[in-house]
Amino acid sequence: MSKSPLALILVFSLGLTQITSAHLDGVNANGCHTPGGTDSGNPCHCHAPGDFTEELACENGAPVQGGSQDDDDVNSESGDDSDDAEDASPTTWLGLRVEDQLECDGEGQRYIRDHYAYDSDADITIAHTMGGIYGPYEDRCFDSYRDVTVEHMVSANEGHKSGMCERDIVERYTLGNDLLNLTLASSEVNSFKSNKDPGEWEPDYNKCWYVYRVIEVKRKYDMSIDERERDAMKRILADCSVEDLYLVPRDDCALPEE
């Protein structure tokens, strides 16, 4: 369900301070942000007012007028009214390649879970980033780190088959420890999600945030998506507004006393 212009104005004024302070990749007053934070190495981009799927180039924290970074990708589906254009699947969507998953049967491409292992204190780091032990998929606060597991939003196995099997161990380890790709979840939800992508699973809560994070992670590491994944993400994003993309953890969650 799309939000009214008033809601969007509120996001880009009163609400942005809270969103930005709660997240490394929060948007600024111009609707611009750098996914993963300014030290991530990711390029800054800006969301067009009223249409977050259009991303404008960014310069000095403000949008650069003159078109979207992904105009060719987004318009490839609607720029030609011919039957052939309607039937053809675009090769990219929002900067992501749309293609079948890799076979990963070449030399050095075998999936090894330890290549994506996260650090032992990752749960503590995530909780401190969120201000409490919070599970976004369940919109739930937890009392102890024993109640949660670290969750790869783009799972290690999914990432491997989406392009990481062609990368070296260092880049795989970097993905496995990237806070942009990590969250907390109960063991039950983590196990049920397992290696599923957005075409196979979606959370009960914070769906828009989850899908947008998957897009950002896959763009950051130049991973692909398949058609089912693309179609599911498009469906979910159709009901999202800009503020839905950024997670604001519940203020009743707390960190355990140290």
Protein backbone atom coordinates (compact mmCIF):
# COMPACT_ATOMS: atom_id res chain seq x y z
CA MET A 1 0.00 0.00 0.00
CA SER A 2 1.55 3.30 -1.09
CA LYS A 3 1.92 6.10 1.41
CA SER A 4 0.48 9.59 1.01
CA PRO A 5 2.70 12.57 0.08
CA LEU A 6 2.33 13.75 3.67
CA ALA A 7 3.82 10.51 4.95
CA LEU A 8 6.77 10.86 2.61
CA ILE A 9 7.33 14.43 3.75
CA LEU A 10 7.36 13.29 7.35
CA VAL A 11 9.95 10.64 6.54
CA PHE A 12 12.26 13.13 4.91
CA SER A 13 11.94 15.60 7.79
CA LEU A 14 10.96 14.49 11.28
CA GLY A 15 11.65 10.77 10.89
CA LEU A 16 15.05 10.80 9.19
CA THR A 17 17.02 11.61 12.32
CA GLN A 18 15.70 8.50 14.05
CA ILE A 19 16.22 6.29 11.00
CA THR A 20 19.72 7.57 10.35
CA SER A 21 20.84 7.26 13.95
CA ALA A 22 19.63 3.68 14.13
CA HIS A 23 21.38 2.45 11.00
CA LEU A 24 24.68 2.57 9.24
CA ASP A 25 22.90 3.03 5.91
CA GLY A 26 20.11 5.45 6.87
CA VAL A 27 19.01 8.12 4.41
CA ASN A 28 19.81 11.80 4.91
CA ALA A 29 17.48 14.77 4.48
CA ASN A 30 17.97 14.61 0.70
CA GLY A 31 16.91 10.96 0.54
CA CYS A 32 20.50 9.87 -0.10
CA HIS A 33 22.61 7.21 1.59
CA THR A 34 25.62 4.96 1.22
CA PRO A 35 24.65 1.29 1.79
CA GLY A 36 26.68 -0.13 4.67
CA GLY A 37 27.96 3.28 5.76
CA THR A 38 30.41 5.79 4.37
CA ASP A 39 33.38 3.49 5.01
CA SER A 40 31.86 0.56 3.11
CA GLY A 41 33.25 1.51 -0.29
CA ASN A 42 29.75 1.51 -1.76
CA PRO A 43 28.64 4.43 -3.95
CA CYS A 44 26.16 6.90 -2.56
CA HIS A 45 22.76 7.01 -4.24
CA CYS A 46 19.52 8.89 -3.70
CA HIS A 47 15.90 7.83 -3.86
CA ALA A 48 13.58 9.79 -6.10
CA PRO A 49 10.71 11.43 -4.17
CA GLY A 50 7.63 9.24 -4.33
CA ASP A 51 9.40 6.34 -6.03
CA PHE A 52 12.19 4.68 -4.03
CA THR A 53 12.85 2.15 -6.82
CA GLU A 54 14.28 4.99 -8.91
CA GLU A 55 17.79 5.67 -7.72
CA LEU A 56 19.55 8.89 -8.63
CA ALA A 57 23.28 9.45 -8.74
CA CYS A 58 24.65 11.13 -5.61
CA GLU A 59 27.19 13.89 -5.18
CA ASN A 60 28.08 15.47 -1.83
CA GLY A 61 25.05 13.88 -0.19
CA ALA A 62 22.55 15.26 -2.70
CA PRO A 63 20.97 13.84 -5.86
CA VAL A 64 22.51 14.65 -9.23
CA GLN A 65 19.75 15.64 -11.59
CA GLY A 66 19.58 14.09 -14.99
CA GLY A 67 18.35 10.55 -14.57
CA SER A 68 18.49 7.42 -12.53
CA GLN A 69 21.51 5.21 -12.16
CA ASP A 70 19.31 2.32 -13.23
CA ASP A 71 17.20 3.96 -15.95
CA ASP A 72 18.22 1.34 -18.50
CA ASP A 73 17.44 -1.47 -16.08
CA VAL A 74 14.05 -0.23 -14.96
CA ASN A 75 12.90 1.10 -18.31
CA SER A 76 13.94 -2.01 -20.20
CA GLU A 77 10.62 -3.54 -19.16
CA SER A 78 8.43 -0.61 -20.24
CA GLY A 79 10.30 1.29 -22.95
CA ASP A 80 8.99 -0.81 -25.85
CA ASP A 81 5.29 -1.54 -26.40
CA SER A 82 5.90 -4.43 -28.79
CA ASP A 83 4.78 -7.96 -27.94
CA ASP A 84 8.37 -9.12 -28.11
CA ALA A 85 9.42 -6.56 -25.50
CA GLU A 86 6.61 -7.64 -23.17
CA ASP A 87 7.48 -11.32 -23.47
CA ALA A 88 11.23 -10.87 -23.07
CA SER A 89 12.75 -10.95 -19.58
CA PRO A 90 15.22 -8.13 -18.92
CA THR A 91 18.78 -9.17 -18.26
CA THR A 92 19.08 -6.74 -15.35
CA TRP A 93 16.77 -5.33 -12.69
CA LEU A 94 17.75 -2.53 -10.29
CA GLY A 95 21.38 -3.13 -11.20
CA LEU A 96 21.21 -6.90 -10.64
CA ARG A 97 21.80 -9.51 -13.32
CA VAL A 98 18.78 -11.76 -13.80
CA GLU A 99 20.05 -15.23 -14.64
CA ASP A 100 19.98 -18.83 -13.49
CA GLN A 101 22.14 -19.80 -10.54
CA LEU A 102 25.65 -21.04 -11.25
CA GLU A 103 26.53 -24.71 -11.32
CA CYS A 104 29.68 -24.00 -9.30
CA ASP A 105 31.44 -27.14 -10.50
CA GLY A 106 34.72 -25.54 -11.57
CA GLU A 107 38.05 -25.76 -9.83
CA GLY A 108 37.92 -24.13 -6.39
CA GLN A 109 34.16 -23.52 -6.66
CA ARG A 110 32.95 -26.18 -4.23
CA TYR A 111 30.74 -24.79 -1.48
CA ILE A 112 32.53 -24.77 1.87
CA ARG A 113 30.43 -23.34 4.70
CA ASP A 114 33.47 -22.22 6.72
CA HIS A 115 34.42 -19.79 3.96
CA TYR A 116 31.41 -17.72 5.05
CA ALA A 117 31.75 -18.13 8.81
CA TYR A 118 30.98 -15.06 10.90
CA ASP A 119 32.99 -14.00 13.92
CA SER A 120 32.05 -15.41 17.32
CA ASP A 121 30.96 -12.03 18.67
CA ALA A 122 28.83 -11.13 15.63
CA ASP A 123 25.60 -11.42 17.64
CA ILE A 124 26.84 -8.85 20.16
CA THR A 125 27.92 -6.48 17.40
CA ILE A 126 24.53 -6.73 15.68
CA ALA A 127 22.64 -6.19 18.93
CA HIS A 128 24.68 -3.10 19.79
CA THR A 129 24.00 -1.74 16.30
CA MET A 130 20.27 -2.22 16.88
CA GLY A 131 20.27 -1.06 20.48
CA GLY A 132 18.95 -4.37 21.77
CA ILE A 133 18.59 -8.07 21.05
CA TYR A 134 15.98 -7.69 18.35
CA GLY A 135 14.76 -10.11 15.70
CA PRO A 136 13.40 -8.10 12.73
CA TYR A 137 11.82 -11.10 10.99
CA GLU A 138 9.62 -11.67 14.04
CA ASP A 139 9.51 -8.08 15.35
CA ARG A 140 10.51 -9.57 18.66
CA CYS A 141 12.78 -8.66 21.56
CA PHE A 142 14.91 -11.36 23.18
CA ASP A 143 16.32 -11.45 26.71
CA SER A 144 19.54 -13.31 26.00
CA TYR A 145 22.00 -13.99 23.20
CA ARG A 146 21.25 -17.67 23.83
CA ASP A 147 17.78 -17.07 22.38
CA VAL A 148 18.99 -15.90 18.96
CA THR A 149 21.24 -16.95 16.13
CA VAL A 150 23.11 -14.85 13.60
CA GLU A 151 21.28 -14.87 10.29
CA HIS A 152 22.77 -14.26 6.85
CA MET A 153 20.06 -12.37 4.96
CA VAL A 154 21.60 -13.60 1.72
CA SER A 155 22.48 -17.07 2.91
CA ALA A 156 25.97 -18.42 2.37
CA ASN A 157 24.71 -21.16 0.05
CA GLU A 158 22.48 -18.75 -1.91
CA GLY A 159 25.32 -16.25 -2.22
CA HIS A 160 27.68 -18.98 -3.34
CA LYS A 161 25.43 -20.03 -6.22
CA SER A 162 24.67 -16.41 -7.09
CA GLY A 163 28.28 -15.62 -7.94
CA MET A 164 30.47 -16.01 -4.86
CA CYS A 165 31.70 -19.43 -5.98
CA GLU A 166 33.74 -17.51 -8.57
CA ARG A 167 35.35 -15.30 -5.88
CA ASP A 168 38.27 -15.97 -3.59
CA ILE A 169 38.10 -17.00 0.06
CA VAL A 170 38.78 -13.47 1.29
CA GLU A 171 35.74 -12.05 -0.48
CA ARG A 172 33.57 -14.92 0.74
CA TYR A 173 34.68 -14.30 4.31
CA THR A 174 33.99 -10.59 3.87
CA LEU A 175 30.43 -11.35 2.79
CA GLY A 176 29.98 -13.70 5.72
CA ASN A 177 30.92 -10.95 8.18
CA ASP A 178 29.37 -7.93 6.47
CA LEU A 179 26.92 -6.25 8.86
CA LEU A 180 24.86 -5.23 5.84
CA ASN A 181 24.06 -8.93 5.45
CA LEU A 182 23.68 -9.91 9.10
CA THR A 183 20.72 -9.82 11.45
CA LEU A 184 19.37 -11.79 14.41
CA ALA A 185 16.60 -14.40 14.45
CA SER A 186 15.32 -17.16 16.64
CA SER A 187 16.77 -20.57 15.85
CA GLU A 188 13.35 -21.74 14.63
CA VAL A 189 13.03 -18.95 12.07
CA ASN A 190 16.67 -19.23 11.08
CA SER A 191 16.31 -22.94 10.45
CA PHE A 192 13.09 -22.52 8.48
CA LYS A 193 14.57 -19.81 6.27
CA SER A 194 17.81 -21.75 5.84
CA ASN A 195 19.15 -21.18 2.30
CA LYS A 196 15.93 -19.74 0.88
CA ASP A 197 15.96 -16.51 -1.12
CA PRO A 198 13.08 -13.98 -1.36
CA GLY A 199 11.53 -16.06 -4.13
CA GLU A 200 11.13 -18.93 -1.67
CA TRP A 201 10.65 -17.23 1.70
CA GLU A 202 9.70 -13.88 3.20
CA PRO A 203 9.49 -12.82 6.86
CA ASP A 204 6.26 -12.07 8.68
CA TYR A 205 7.52 -8.60 9.56
CA ASN A 206 9.81 -6.00 7.94
CA LYS A 207 9.46 -7.55 4.49
CA CYS A 208 10.36 -4.35 2.66
CA TRP A 209 13.53 -3.87 4.71
CA TYR A 210 14.50 -7.50 4.18
CA VAL A 211 14.04 -7.38 0.40
CA TYR A 212 15.85 -4.07 0.05
CA ARG A 213 18.77 -5.37 2.12
CA VAL A 214 19.01 -8.44 -0.12
CA ILE A 215 19.14 -6.13 -3.13
CA GLU A 216 21.84 -3.96 -1.54
CA VAL A 217 23.96 -6.95 -0.53
CA LYS A 218 23.71 -8.58 -3.94
CA ARG A 219 24.55 -5.32 -5.66
CA LYS A 220 27.51 -4.73 -3.37
CA TYR A 221 29.00 -8.14 -4.17
CA ASP A 222 27.85 -8.25 -7.80
CA MET A 223 25.66 -11.30 -7.26
CA SER A 224 22.81 -12.34 -9.52
CA ILE A 225 19.13 -13.09 -8.95
CA ASP A 226 16.92 -15.53 -10.78
CA GLU A 227 13.55 -14.69 -12.30
CA ARG A 228 11.51 -16.11 -9.42
CA GLU A 229 13.52 -14.07 -6.93
CA ARG A 230 13.11 -10.91 -9.03
CA ASP A 231 9.37 -11.38 -9.41
CA ALA A 232 8.88 -11.95 -5.66
CA MET A 233 10.91 -8.87 -4.75
CA LYS A 234 9.02 -6.73 -7.26
CA ARG A 235 5.73 -7.91 -5.75
CA ILE A 236 6.82 -7.08 -2.21
CA LEU A 237 8.34 -3.72 -3.11
CA ALA A 238 5.15 -2.68 -4.90
CA ASP A 239 3.52 -2.25 -1.47
CA CYS A 240 6.47 -0.46 0.15
CA SER A 241 7.18 3.19 0.79
CA VAL A 242 10.58 4.76 1.43
CA GLU A 243 10.27 4.57 5.20
CA ASP A 244 9.47 0.85 4.99
CA LEU A 245 12.97 0.17 3.63
CA TYR A 246 14.78 1.23 6.80
CA LEU A 247 14.54 -0.69 10.01
CA VAL A 248 13.75 1.14 13.24
CA PRO A 249 14.09 -1.46 16.04
CA ARG A 250 11.55 -1.46 18.83
CA ASP A 251 12.48 0.85 21.67
CA ASP A 252 11.49 -1.73 24.29
CA CYS A 253 14.37 -4.04 23.35
CA ALA A 254 17.42 -3.83 25.59
CA LEU A 255 20.96 -5.05 25.77
CA PRO A 256 21.79 -7.44 28.61
CA GLU A 257 23.84 -6.04 31.44
CA GLU A 258 27.54 -6.70 30.95
